[in-house]
Amino acid sequence: MAQVYTVAKDKVDDVWDEVGPLLNLAMLKYEDPDYGIDYLKEQVVKGWQHLLIIVVDDKIVGAYTVEIIDYENHRVAFTTCMGGSKVFDKDTVKQNEQWAKSQGATKIRAYASESQARLFRRKLGLHPIMSVVEKNI
């Protein structure tokens, strides 16, 4: 069975050689020079985002990063990047939700393209609430 573990910010360097390529594959689809794999690692090391890894038979097979955002009415566990396998496994999804609840989260959100949003809806039960667009000025 796949297990989800959080990685302490002072241990990120110990697993990044395995985790970085998994997360980088997800980032390669986007051409955003402001938000790349190095920036993501910096966010995790500083403790601004959390790194969660998925382990099967003592091997890291998947990973995702989560930012906890406090709003007036909700605390949101916002998945910012995910890659590898087992990220949509029934057990790992349940473990993700339990972890988010343990952090005080009342909602789970994720960045997603339209095709990813369909997958999130089908596998995780997440529903689209908005589309995010931007322009450099």
Protein backbone atom coordinates (compact mmCIF):
# COMPACT_ATOMS: atom_id res chain seq x y z
CA MET A 1 0.00 0.00 0.00
CA ALA A 2 1.17 3.52 -0.76
CA GLN A 3 1.94 5.73 2.22
CA VAL A 4 1.98 9.52 2.29
CA TYR A 5 4.64 11.20 4.40
CA THR A 6 5.42 14.83 5.05
CA VAL A 7 9.03 15.91 4.68
CA ALA A 8 10.40 18.30 7.28
CA LYS A 9 11.83 21.44 5.68
CA ASP A 10 15.31 20.63 6.98
CA LYS A 11 15.15 17.20 5.27
CA VAL A 12 14.06 18.42 1.82
CA ASP A 13 17.62 18.26 0.45
CA ASP A 14 17.79 14.58 1.47
CA VAL A 15 14.96 13.60 -0.90
CA TRP A 16 15.05 16.34 -3.56
CA ASP A 17 17.13 14.31 -6.04
CA GLU A 18 14.23 11.83 -6.18
CA VAL A 19 11.36 14.28 -5.75
CA GLY A 20 12.54 17.15 -7.96
CA PRO A 21 12.29 15.24 -11.26
CA LEU A 22 8.77 14.02 -10.39
CA LEU A 23 7.57 17.55 -9.68
CA ASN A 24 9.54 19.05 -12.56
CA LEU A 25 7.62 16.90 -15.06
CA ALA A 26 4.44 18.63 -13.92
CA MET A 27 6.05 22.05 -14.30
CA LEU A 28 7.43 21.44 -17.79
CA LYS A 29 3.95 21.99 -19.25
CA TYR A 30 4.01 25.63 -18.17
CA GLU A 31 6.25 28.36 -19.47
CA ASP A 32 6.32 30.58 -16.41
CA PRO A 33 9.80 31.89 -15.63
CA ASP A 34 8.54 33.22 -12.31
CA TYR A 35 7.55 29.83 -10.95
CA GLY A 36 9.88 26.93 -11.65
CA ILE A 37 11.22 23.90 -9.84
CA ASP A 38 13.97 25.90 -8.08
CA TYR A 39 11.43 28.42 -6.80
CA LEU A 40 9.22 25.57 -5.59
CA LYS A 41 12.10 23.99 -3.66
CA GLU A 42 12.88 27.36 -2.07
CA GLN A 43 9.25 27.69 -0.95
CA VAL A 44 9.38 24.25 0.67
CA VAL A 45 12.75 24.78 2.36
CA LYS A 46 11.53 28.09 3.80
CA GLY A 47 8.43 26.33 5.16
CA TRP A 48 6.01 28.37 3.04
CA GLN A 49 4.83 25.17 1.35
CA HIS A 50 4.80 21.57 2.53
CA LEU A 51 6.33 18.64 0.66
CA LEU A 52 4.45 15.36 0.82
CA ILE A 53 5.86 12.20 -0.69
CA ILE A 54 4.19 8.96 -1.69
CA VAL A 55 6.21 5.87 -0.82
CA VAL A 56 5.68 2.29 -2.02
CA ASP A 57 8.06 -0.46 -0.86
CA ASP A 58 10.53 2.11 0.51
CA LYS A 59 10.68 3.93 -2.85
CA ILE A 60 9.40 7.45 -3.51
CA VAL A 61 6.94 7.14 -6.39
CA GLY A 62 5.08 10.44 -6.18
CA ALA A 63 5.15 13.85 -4.56
CA TYR A 64 3.13 17.00 -4.18
CA THR A 65 3.47 20.38 -2.59
CA VAL A 66 0.80 22.13 -0.57
CA GLU A 67 0.47 25.70 0.61
CA ILE A 68 -1.77 26.38 3.60
CA ILE A 69 -3.73 29.60 3.04
CA ASP A 70 -5.80 31.25 5.73
CA TYR A 71 -8.92 33.12 4.69
CA GLU A 72 -11.42 34.70 7.04
CA ASN A 73 -13.89 31.81 6.78
CA HIS A 74 -11.69 28.88 5.74
CA ARG A 75 -8.23 27.41 5.92
CA VAL A 76 -7.32 25.98 2.51
CA ALA A 77 -4.80 23.27 1.71
CA PHE A 78 -3.80 24.42 -1.79
CA THR A 79 -1.96 21.82 -3.88
CA THR A 80 0.52 23.75 -5.99
CA CYS A 81 2.31 20.92 -7.82
CA MET A 82 2.11 17.14 -8.07
CA GLY A 83 3.91 14.48 -10.01
CA GLY A 84 4.75 10.81 -10.15
CA SER A 85 2.44 7.90 -9.55
CA LYS A 86 -0.17 7.06 -6.91
CA VAL A 87 -1.11 10.75 -6.47
CA PHE A 88 -4.72 9.89 -7.32
CA ASP A 89 -4.81 6.53 -5.53
CA LYS A 90 -7.84 6.13 -3.25
CA ASP A 91 -5.66 5.54 -0.17
CA THR A 92 -3.26 8.41 -0.83
CA VAL A 93 -6.14 10.79 -1.47
CA LYS A 94 -7.63 9.82 1.90
CA GLN A 95 -4.25 10.29 3.60
CA ASN A 96 -3.91 13.71 1.93
CA GLU A 97 -7.32 14.74 3.26
CA GLN A 98 -6.47 13.50 6.76
CA TRP A 99 -3.20 15.44 6.71
CA ALA A 100 -5.00 18.58 5.52
CA LYS A 101 -7.56 18.24 8.32
CA SER A 102 -4.73 17.80 10.84
CA GLN A 103 -3.40 21.17 9.63
CA GLY A 104 -6.79 22.74 10.34
CA ALA A 105 -7.82 22.91 6.67
CA THR A 106 -11.50 23.10 5.87
CA LYS A 107 -11.04 22.95 2.08
CA ILE A 108 -8.66 21.43 -0.45
CA ARG A 109 -7.84 23.25 -3.70
CA ALA A 110 -5.42 22.75 -6.57
CA TYR A 111 -4.14 24.51 -9.65
CA ALA A 112 -5.40 22.72 -12.73
CA SER A 113 -5.80 23.07 -16.47
CA GLU A 114 -9.21 22.14 -17.86
CA SER A 115 -8.14 18.55 -18.55
CA GLN A 116 -6.57 18.27 -15.09
CA ALA A 117 -9.72 19.72 -13.54
CA ARG A 118 -11.71 16.83 -15.04
CA LEU A 119 -9.24 14.39 -13.47
CA PHE A 120 -9.40 16.17 -10.09
CA ARG A 121 -13.19 16.08 -10.22
CA ARG A 122 -13.30 12.40 -11.13
CA LYS A 123 -10.53 11.13 -8.82
CA LEU A 124 -10.57 13.53 -5.87
CA GLY A 125 -14.08 14.94 -5.90
CA LEU A 126 -12.80 18.51 -6.34
CA HIS A 127 -15.09 20.88 -8.23
CA PRO A 128 -13.95 23.88 -10.27
CA ILE A 129 -14.57 27.14 -8.44
CA MET A 130 -12.61 29.56 -10.62
CA SER A 131 -10.12 29.87 -13.42
CA VAL A 132 -6.95 31.80 -12.82
CA VAL A 133 -5.50 33.88 -15.62
CA GLU A 134 -2.76 36.47 -15.63
CA LYS A 135 -0.74 38.81 -17.75
CA ASN A 136 2.68 40.29 -17.18
CA ILE A 137 2.55 44.10 -17.26
